[in-house]
N, C-alpha and C. Protein backbone atom coordinates (compact mmCIF):
# COMPACT_ATOMS: atom_id res chain seq x y z
N GLN A 1 0.79 -1.24 0.18
CA GLN A 1 -0.11 0.30 -0.13
C GLN A 1 1.06 1.10 0.08
N LEU A 2 1.07 1.98 -1.08
CA LEU A 2 1.83 3.15 -1.26
C LEU A 2 0.51 4.69 -0.64
N GLU A 3 1.09 5.59 -0.28
CA GLU A 3 0.51 7.00 0.06
C GLU A 3 1.89 7.92 -0.13
N THR A 4 0.96 8.85 -0.97
CA THR A 4 1.88 9.81 -0.71
C THR A 4 1.92 10.90 0.32
N LEU A 5 3.43 10.98 0.89
CA LEU A 5 2.95 12.17 2.56
C LEU A 5 3.32 13.51 1.67
N GLU A 6 4.07 13.68 1.10
CA GLU A 6 4.33 15.30 0.73
C GLU A 6 4.70 15.63 -0.91
N GLN A 7 4.41 16.38 -1.71
CA GLN A 7 4.59 16.05 -2.95
C GLN A 7 4.90 17.64 -3.46
N GLU A 8 6.10 18.48 -4.20
CA GLU A 8 6.15 19.35 -4.45
C GLU A 8 6.46 19.60 -5.85
N GLU A 9 6.33 20.51 -6.34
CA GLU A 9 6.42 20.87 -7.69
C GLU A 9 6.65 22.35 -8.23
N GLN A 10 7.82 22.70 -8.68
CA GLN A 10 7.90 24.42 -9.20
C GLN A 10 8.23 24.38 -10.33
N GLU A 11 7.44 25.72 -11.22
CA GLU A 11 7.83 25.90 -12.96
C GLU A 11 7.80 27.06 -12.72
N CYS A 12 8.58 27.02 -13.82
CA CYS A 12 9.07 29.06 -13.88
C CYS A 12 8.98 28.59 -15.13
N LEU A 13 8.55 29.63 -15.49
CA LEU A 13 8.65 30.24 -17.03
C LEU A 13 9.85 31.81 -17.32
N GLU A 14 10.32 31.96 -17.91
CA GLU A 14 11.25 32.78 -18.41
C GLU A 14 10.91 33.76 -19.18
N LEU A 15 9.61 34.62 -18.96
CA LEU A 15 9.25 35.46 -20.01
C LEU A 15 9.28 36.93 -19.48
N ARG A 16 10.03 37.56 -20.69
CA ARG A 16 10.35 38.53 -20.62
C ARG A 16 9.43 39.93 -21.08
N PRO A 17 8.56 41.19 -20.60
CA PRO A 17 9.50 41.52 -18.73
C PRO A 17 9.11 40.75 -17.57
N HIS A 18 7.95 39.76 -17.47
CA HIS A 18 7.50 39.20 -15.93
C HIS A 18 7.80 37.84 -16.10
N PRO A 19 8.58 37.49 -15.53
CA PRO A 19 9.11 35.98 -15.29
C PRO A 19 8.06 35.22 -14.65
N THR A 20 7.88 34.09 -14.66
CA THR A 20 6.70 33.48 -13.92
C THR A 20 6.92 32.35 -12.93
N GLU A 21 6.68 32.16 -11.94
CA GLU A 21 7.08 31.41 -11.08
C GLU A 21 5.72 30.34 -10.31
N LYS A 22 5.37 29.31 -10.43
CA LYS A 22 4.64 28.97 -10.17
C LYS A 22 4.92 27.31 -9.38
N ARG A 23 4.29 27.44 -7.82
CA ARG A 23 4.62 26.21 -6.93
C ARG A 23 3.69 25.93 -6.36
N THR A 24 3.07 24.44 -6.26
CA THR A 24 2.25 23.65 -5.71
C THR A 24 2.98 22.56 -4.19
N HIS A 25 2.59 22.68 -3.09
CA HIS A 25 2.75 22.45 -2.24
C HIS A 25 1.78 20.86 -1.66
N ILE A 26 1.88 19.86 -1.66
CA ILE A 26 0.81 19.15 -1.94
C ILE A 26 1.42 18.31 0.46
N VAL A 27 0.55 18.14 0.69
CA VAL A 27 0.81 17.53 2.34
C VAL A 27 -0.02 16.21 2.83
N SER A 28 0.12 15.45 2.87
CA SER A 28 -0.85 14.38 3.69
C SER A 28 -0.73 14.71 5.36
N HIS A 29 -2.44 14.80 5.88
CA HIS A 29 -2.07 15.02 7.38
C HIS A 29 -3.67 13.76 7.84
N GLN A 30 -3.92 14.06 9.29
CA GLN A 30 -4.34 13.20 9.68
C GLN A 30 -5.85 13.36 9.17
N HIS A 31 -6.76 14.69 8.66
CA HIS A 31 -7.84 14.50 8.16
C HIS A 31 -7.83 14.30 6.32
N GLY A 32 -6.65 13.87 5.83
CA GLY A 32 -6.76 14.37 4.47
C GLY A 32 -5.10 15.14 3.78
N MET A 33 -5.37 15.74 2.73
CA MET A 33 -4.26 16.66 2.28
C MET A 33 -4.34 17.94 1.95
N THR A 34 -3.85 19.03 2.69
CA THR A 34 -3.57 20.25 1.72
C THR A 34 -3.04 20.99 0.85
N VAL A 35 -3.61 21.47 0.43
CA VAL A 35 -2.36 21.74 -1.39
C VAL A 35 -2.63 23.21 -0.85
N THR A 36 -1.32 23.72 -0.98
CA THR A 36 -0.91 25.29 -1.09
C THR A 36 -0.44 25.22 -2.74
N LYS A 37 -1.46 26.74 -3.06
CA LYS A 37 -0.18 26.93 -5.00
C LYS A 37 0.39 28.30 -4.50
N THR A 38 1.10 28.85 -5.34
CA THR A 38 1.56 29.77 -5.13
C THR A 38 2.42 30.56 -6.21
N LEU A 39 1.87 31.62 -6.60
CA LEU A 39 1.75 32.22 -8.54
C LEU A 39 2.56 33.25 -7.99
N GLN A 40 3.65 34.01 -8.47
CA GLN A 40 4.16 34.67 -8.65
C GLN A 40 4.94 35.26 -9.78
N GLU A 41 4.08 36.33 -10.20
CA GLU A 41 4.14 37.23 -11.78
C GLU A 41 5.41 38.42 -11.54
N GLY A 42 6.66 38.47 -12.14
CA GLY A 42 7.42 39.71 -11.97
C GLY A 42 7.81 39.71 -10.47
N GLU A 43 7.70 40.87 -10.21
CA GLU A 43 8.14 41.75 -8.96
C GLU A 43 6.74 41.74 -7.88
N ALA A 44 5.63 40.86 -8.73
CA ALA A 44 4.44 41.69 -8.24
C ALA A 44 4.65 40.52 -6.91
N GLU A 45 3.76 41.14 -5.68
CA GLU A 45 3.54 39.66 -4.41
C GLU A 45 3.24 38.45 -4.66
N PRO A 46 3.46 37.43 -4.65
CA PRO A 46 2.86 35.84 -4.49
C PRO A 46 1.68 36.17 -4.30
N GLN A 47 0.66 35.10 -5.22
CA GLN A 47 -0.27 34.68 -4.43
C GLN A 47 -1.08 34.04 -4.32
N CYS A 48 -0.97 33.50 -3.39
CA CYS A 48 -1.43 32.25 -2.72
C CYS A 48 -2.91 31.71 -2.33
N GLN A 49 -3.25 30.28 -2.69
CA GLN A 49 -3.95 29.57 -2.65
C GLN A 49 -3.79 28.44 -1.50
N SER A 50 -4.44 28.09 -0.92
CA SER A 50 -5.02 26.89 0.43
C SER A 50 -5.86 26.76 0.35
N PHE A 51 -5.80 24.70 0.31
CA PHE A 51 -7.77 24.32 0.26
C PHE A 51 -7.27 22.88 1.06
N CYS A 52 -8.29 22.30 1.32
CA CYS A 52 -8.06 20.94 1.97
C CYS A 52 -8.47 20.00 1.05
N TYR A 53 -8.70 18.45 1.33
CA TYR A 53 -9.20 17.61 0.91
C TYR A 53 -9.67 16.47 1.64
N SER A 54 -10.75 16.03 1.54
CA SER A 54 -10.82 14.96 2.56
C SER A 54 -10.26 13.52 2.94
N ARG A 55 -9.94 12.89 3.30
CA ARG A 55 -9.43 11.58 3.32
C ARG A 55 -10.68 10.86 2.31
N ALA A 56 -11.81 10.94 2.61
CA ALA A 56 -12.47 10.38 2.33
C ALA A 56 -13.10 10.40 0.15
N LYS A 57 -12.30 12.07 0.17
CA LYS A 57 -12.32 11.93 -1.55
C LYS A 57 -10.95 11.62 -2.11
N LEU A 58 -10.28 11.41 -1.41
CA LEU A 58 -8.50 11.44 -1.46
C LEU A 58 -8.44 9.53 -1.70
N ARG A 59 -9.62 8.94 -1.32
CA ARG A 59 -9.78 7.08 -1.91
C ARG A 59 -9.14 6.53 -2.52
N GLY A 60 -7.66 5.87 -2.44
CA GLY A 60 -7.37 5.70 -3.76
C GLY A 60 -5.72 6.21 -4.75
N LEU A 61 -5.94 8.02 -4.47
CA LEU A 61 -5.50 8.63 -4.85
C LEU A 61 -4.32 8.76 -5.92
N LEU A 62 -4.06 9.12 -6.71
CA LEU A 62 -2.43 8.26 -7.46
C LEU A 62 -1.79 9.70 -8.16
N LEU A 63 -0.98 10.13 -7.10
CA LEU A 63 -0.14 11.25 -7.60
C LEU A 63 0.86 11.16 -8.44
N GLU A 64 1.65 12.33 -8.59
CA GLU A 64 2.35 11.85 -9.80
C GLU A 64 3.59 10.53 -9.37
N GLY A 65 3.89 10.85 -8.61
CA GLY A 65 5.42 10.05 -7.89
C GLY A 65 4.75 8.25 -7.96
N ALA A 66 3.58 7.95 -7.41
CA ALA A 66 2.79 7.19 -7.63
C ALA A 66 2.70 6.60 -8.98
N SER A 67 2.36 7.85 -9.29
CA SER A 67 1.92 6.96 -11.00
C SER A 67 2.95 6.64 -12.01
N LEU A 68 4.13 7.25 -11.74
CA LEU A 68 5.42 6.79 -12.36
C LEU A 68 5.64 5.25 -11.47
N LEU A 69 5.46 5.25 -10.00
CA LEU A 69 6.08 4.13 -9.50
C LEU A 69 5.46 2.68 -10.37
N LEU A 70 4.06 2.70 -10.51
CA LEU A 70 2.87 1.83 -10.92
C LEU A 70 3.54 1.82 -12.57
N LEU A 71 3.55 2.68 -12.90
CA LEU A 71 4.24 2.30 -14.28
C LEU A 71 5.16 1.69 -14.61
N ARG A 72 6.39 1.90 -13.70
CA ARG A 72 7.45 1.18 -13.68
C ARG A 72 6.56 -0.18 -12.93
N VAL A 73 6.18 -0.64 -12.28
CA VAL A 73 5.43 -1.79 -11.65
C VAL A 73 4.91 -2.75 -13.08
N LEU A 74 4.22 -2.09 -13.85
CA LEU A 74 3.11 -2.75 -14.95
C LEU A 74 4.02 -2.84 -16.13
N ALA A 75 5.41 -1.92 -16.27
CA ALA A 75 6.33 -2.11 -17.48
C ALA A 75 6.84 -4.03 -16.73
N HIS A 76 7.47 -3.75 -15.53
CA HIS A 76 8.41 -5.00 -15.09
C HIS A 76 7.65 -5.95 -15.35
N ARG A 77 6.29 -6.02 -14.84
CA ARG A 77 5.07 -7.22 -15.15
C ARG A 77 4.42 -7.38 -16.55
N GLN A 78 5.06 -6.87 -17.12
CA GLN A 78 4.21 -7.20 -18.79
C GLN A 78 2.57 -6.92 -18.70
N THR A 79 2.57 -6.85 -17.74
CA THR A 79 0.66 -7.12 -18.08
C THR A 79 0.25 -5.25 -17.85
N MET A 80 -1.10 -5.89 -18.48
CA MET A 80 -1.80 -4.17 -18.03
C MET A 80 -3.31 -4.73 -17.53
N PRO A 81 -4.21 -4.54 -16.18
CA PRO A 81 -4.90 -5.04 -16.02
C PRO A 81 -5.91 -3.58 -16.51
N PRO A 82 -7.57 -4.50 -16.69
CA PRO A 82 -8.36 -3.87 -17.50
C PRO A 82 -8.77 -2.99 -16.93
N ASN A 83 -9.21 -1.67 -17.60
CA ASN A 83 -10.46 -0.97 -16.66
C ASN A 83 -9.14 -0.18 -15.42
N LEU A 84 -8.10 -0.02 -15.27
CA LEU A 84 -7.39 0.41 -14.60
C LEU A 84 -7.60 2.28 -14.46
N VAL A 85 -8.39 2.63 -13.51
CA VAL A 85 -8.63 3.79 -13.08
C VAL A 85 -8.35 4.60 -11.64
N PHE A 86 -8.08 5.84 -11.64
CA PHE A 86 -7.27 6.64 -9.96
C PHE A 86 -7.68 7.70 -10.23
N PRO A 87 -8.23 8.11 -8.69
CA PRO A 87 -8.31 9.25 -8.63
C PRO A 87 -7.37 9.77 -9.18
N ALA A 88 -7.04 11.46 -9.17
CA ALA A 88 -5.88 11.91 -9.27
C ALA A 88 -5.66 13.87 -9.40
N MET A 89 -5.22 14.62 -9.48
CA MET A 89 -5.42 15.56 -9.77
C MET A 89 -4.41 16.36 -10.72
N ASP A 90 -5.93 17.43 -11.32
CA ASP A 90 -4.75 17.49 -12.78
C ASP A 90 -4.06 19.17 -12.75
N THR A 91 -3.52 19.87 -13.09
CA THR A 91 -2.76 20.78 -13.66
C THR A 91 -2.97 21.90 -12.05
N GLU A 92 -4.20 21.96 -12.13
CA GLU A 92 -4.91 23.13 -11.15
C GLU A 92 -4.99 22.51 -9.47
N CYS A 93 -4.56 20.87 -9.48
CA CYS A 93 -4.70 20.23 -8.45
C CYS A 93 -6.63 20.21 -7.71
N ASP A 94 -7.13 20.10 -9.14
CA ASP A 94 -8.80 19.74 -8.80
C ASP A 94 -9.02 18.28 -9.27
N LEU A 95 -9.45 17.77 -8.44
CA LEU A 95 -9.80 15.97 -8.51
C LEU A 95 -10.39 15.57 -9.71
N CYS A 96 -10.19 14.55 -10.38
CA CYS A 96 -10.36 14.29 -11.47
C CYS A 96 -9.66 12.59 -11.71
N THR A 97 -9.84 11.76 -12.53
CA THR A 97 -9.70 10.46 -13.06
C THR A 97 -8.18 10.30 -14.30
N SER A 98 -7.27 9.22 -13.67
CA SER A 98 -6.44 8.76 -14.33
C SER A 98 -6.63 7.32 -15.05
N SER A 99 -6.97 7.38 -15.78
CA SER A 99 -6.70 6.16 -16.75
C SER A 99 -5.99 5.73 -17.71
N TYR A 100 -5.30 4.18 -17.21
CA TYR A 100 -4.52 3.63 -17.79
C TYR A 100 -4.36 2.28 -18.88
């Protein structure tokens, strides 16, 4: 049984005259997961948004690191179970599904 405890993602766009930096921090806790998104454009004040998902909504959640591990296991076994679908998060950290 795998569980993501913490994940951090950083994306930098070097666009002139305002470079943009986007950070996402996801941390697991007793009641679920907290997602904190930070966006900074140029010299402006960073915009921060934080929200939580309950454990019930995240049951079976497959984040990026776990997804890579699953793909390696499936490749090693050289098998793909039919209709393999997991809850996941899209690029905006909204809940969605991931199908393999």
